[in-house]
């Protein structure tokens, strides 16, 4: 019982919302050969709000974001991370969401995107929107306790 409570607490902290509003209302039941892909309902508005939050501050948009969940075929956690990132990046920068390095060690997932090593002007605002979604999807589908997104050295 301790692990599910820790997971819910962690997800609550990550999303900034109560588990009831984030998980129960959007619950999808997937088969054993599927992952849940959880994305903001309005990706463009989410991306803009996270960019503003990362540059100006204020209230974290994760606290008010509504998510839509769907089942996708299960492949690997690396692929899940990449799909999560590419769904959030603007169409012009989809390749920036390619996962260049991925590993799980001691229940910690390390994810490096192409954007982490080949940035552009404004990449930090884009990553501010992408990173929480990668984390959300890994927490929903794996037993990792921590996710670190950034350059892996």
Protein backbone atom coordinates (compact mmCIF):
# COMPACT_ATOMS: atom_id res chain seq x y z
CA UNK A 1 0.00 0.00 0.00
CA UNK A 2 2.91 2.32 0.60
CA UNK A 3 4.07 2.42 -3.05
CA UNK A 4 0.71 3.48 -4.55
CA UNK A 5 0.35 6.24 -1.98
CA UNK A 6 3.86 7.47 -2.73
CA UNK A 7 3.07 7.40 -6.45
CA UNK A 8 -0.13 9.39 -5.95
CA UNK A 9 1.66 11.91 -3.76
CA UNK A 10 4.44 12.27 -6.31
CA UNK A 11 1.98 12.68 -9.15
CA UNK A 12 0.03 15.22 -7.13
CA UNK A 13 3.22 17.18 -6.50
CA UNK A 14 4.22 16.95 -10.16
CA UNK A 15 0.84 17.99 -11.51
CA UNK A 16 -0.01 20.45 -8.76
CA UNK A 17 -3.55 19.07 -8.56
CA UNK A 18 -5.39 16.64 -6.40
CA UNK A 19 -5.34 13.03 -7.62
CA UNK A 20 -9.13 13.04 -7.91
CA UNK A 21 -9.21 15.85 -10.45
CA UNK A 22 -6.29 14.57 -12.50
CA UNK A 23 -6.54 10.80 -12.47
CA UNK A 24 -10.07 9.71 -11.69
CA UNK A 25 -11.87 12.04 -14.07
CA UNK A 26 -9.53 11.17 -16.94
CA UNK A 27 -8.92 7.52 -16.13
CA UNK A 28 -8.49 5.21 -19.08
CA UNK A 29 -8.06 1.50 -18.71
CA UNK A 30 -5.40 0.18 -21.04
CA UNK A 31 -4.52 -3.42 -21.82
CA UNK A 32 -1.29 -5.01 -20.61
CA UNK A 33 0.24 -4.40 -24.02
CA UNK A 34 -0.49 -0.66 -23.92
CA UNK A 35 0.75 2.48 -22.19
CA UNK A 36 -1.32 5.48 -21.12
CA UNK A 37 -0.31 8.61 -23.01
CA UNK A 38 -1.41 11.64 -21.01
CA UNK A 39 -1.27 15.02 -22.75
CA UNK A 40 -2.71 18.47 -22.07
CA UNK A 41 -6.13 18.92 -23.66
CA UNK A 42 -4.99 22.16 -25.30
CA UNK A 43 -1.31 21.64 -26.11
CA UNK A 44 -0.80 25.06 -27.69
CA UNK A 45 -2.24 26.91 -24.69
CA UNK A 46 -0.23 24.69 -22.32
CA UNK A 47 2.98 25.32 -24.27
CA UNK A 48 2.41 29.09 -24.19
CA UNK A 49 1.52 29.10 -20.48
CA UNK A 50 4.62 27.05 -19.58
CA UNK A 51 6.86 29.32 -21.69
CA UNK A 52 5.50 32.36 -19.90
CA UNK A 53 5.83 30.67 -16.50
CA UNK A 54 9.44 29.63 -17.19
CA UNK A 55 10.42 33.15 -18.26
CA UNK A 56 8.31 35.36 -16.00
CA UNK A 57 7.19 33.17 -13.11
CA UNK A 58 3.84 33.30 -11.39
CA UNK A 59 1.48 30.39 -10.92
CA UNK A 60 2.65 27.08 -12.34
CA UNK A 61 0.25 26.14 -15.20
CA UNK A 62 0.52 22.47 -14.24
CA UNK A 63 -1.87 23.28 -11.40
CA UNK A 64 -4.68 24.13 -13.82
CA UNK A 65 -3.92 21.95 -16.83
CA UNK A 66 -6.56 19.44 -17.92
CA UNK A 67 -5.29 16.23 -19.47
CA UNK A 68 -6.64 13.79 -21.98
CA UNK A 69 -5.48 10.21 -21.69
CA UNK A 70 -5.39 7.56 -24.38
CA UNK A 71 -3.92 4.11 -24.79
CA UNK A 72 -1.00 3.58 -27.16
CA UNK A 73 0.85 0.37 -28.06
CA UNK A 74 3.53 -0.55 -25.53
CA UNK A 75 7.06 -0.38 -26.92
CA UNK A 76 9.76 0.96 -24.60
CA UNK A 77 10.01 3.70 -22.00
CA UNK A 78 12.47 5.45 -24.33
CA UNK A 79 9.83 5.49 -27.07
CA UNK A 80 7.18 6.66 -24.59
CA UNK A 81 9.45 9.54 -23.57
CA UNK A 82 10.04 10.46 -27.20
CA UNK A 83 6.35 10.33 -28.08
CA UNK A 84 5.56 12.50 -25.03
CA UNK A 85 8.16 15.08 -26.07
CA UNK A 86 7.27 15.17 -29.74
CA UNK A 87 3.57 15.65 -28.98
CA UNK A 88 4.41 18.82 -27.02
CA UNK A 89 7.06 20.38 -29.26
CA UNK A 90 5.79 22.75 -31.94
CA UNK A 91 5.59 21.17 -35.41
CA UNK A 92 8.75 23.03 -36.48
CA UNK A 93 10.78 21.36 -33.72
CA UNK A 94 9.44 17.76 -33.61
CA UNK A 95 12.93 16.34 -34.24
CA UNK A 96 14.15 18.15 -31.11
CA UNK A 97 12.02 15.68 -29.15
CA UNK A 98 14.06 12.72 -30.34
CA UNK A 99 15.52 10.84 -27.37
CA UNK A 100 19.28 10.61 -27.87
CA UNK A 101 20.09 8.79 -24.60
CA UNK A 102 17.88 6.93 -22.16
CA UNK A 103 18.57 4.72 -19.18
CA UNK A 104 16.98 3.63 -15.94
CA UNK A 105 19.30 3.08 -13.00
CA UNK A 106 18.27 2.59 -9.37
CA UNK A 107 14.63 3.53 -10.16
CA UNK A 108 15.74 6.81 -11.74
CA UNK A 109 15.05 7.43 -15.43
CA UNK A 110 17.56 9.61 -17.27
CA UNK A 111 16.25 11.11 -20.50
CA UNK A 112 18.26 13.21 -22.93
CA UNK A 113 16.55 14.83 -25.89
CA UNK A 114 18.17 16.22 -29.00
CA UNK A 115 16.98 19.63 -27.74
CA UNK A 116 19.18 19.22 -24.65
CA UNK A 117 22.34 19.16 -26.75
CA UNK A 118 21.37 20.98 -29.96
CA UNK A 119 19.39 23.93 -28.69
CA UNK A 120 18.06 27.02 -30.39
CA UNK A 121 16.90 30.41 -29.22
CA UNK A 122 13.94 29.74 -26.92
CA UNK A 123 14.73 26.08 -26.28
CA UNK A 124 14.52 26.52 -22.50
CA UNK A 125 10.89 27.66 -22.76
CA UNK A 126 10.08 24.66 -24.97
CA UNK A 127 11.77 22.27 -22.56
CA UNK A 128 9.84 23.82 -19.67
CA UNK A 129 6.69 22.51 -21.35
CA UNK A 130 8.10 19.17 -22.50
CA UNK A 131 9.90 17.95 -19.36
CA UNK A 132 6.82 17.71 -17.07
CA UNK A 133 4.93 15.74 -19.72
CA UNK A 134 7.77 13.23 -20.11
CA UNK A 135 7.85 12.84 -16.34
CA UNK A 136 4.07 12.49 -16.08
CA UNK A 137 3.97 9.71 -18.66
CA UNK A 138 6.89 7.80 -17.18
CA UNK A 139 5.36 8.01 -13.69
CA UNK A 140 2.01 6.80 -15.00
CA UNK A 141 3.49 3.79 -16.79
CA UNK A 142 6.56 2.66 -14.88
CA UNK A 143 7.85 2.14 -11.38
CA UNK A 144 10.55 4.81 -11.59
CA UNK A 145 10.71 7.05 -8.55
CA UNK A 146 12.46 9.97 -10.23
CA UNK A 147 12.90 11.26 -13.77
CA UNK A 148 15.76 13.50 -14.78
CA UNK A 149 15.47 15.14 -18.19
CA UNK A 150 18.55 16.89 -19.52
CA UNK A 151 21.97 16.34 -20.96
CA UNK A 152 23.47 13.01 -19.88
CA UNK A 153 27.22 13.14 -19.41
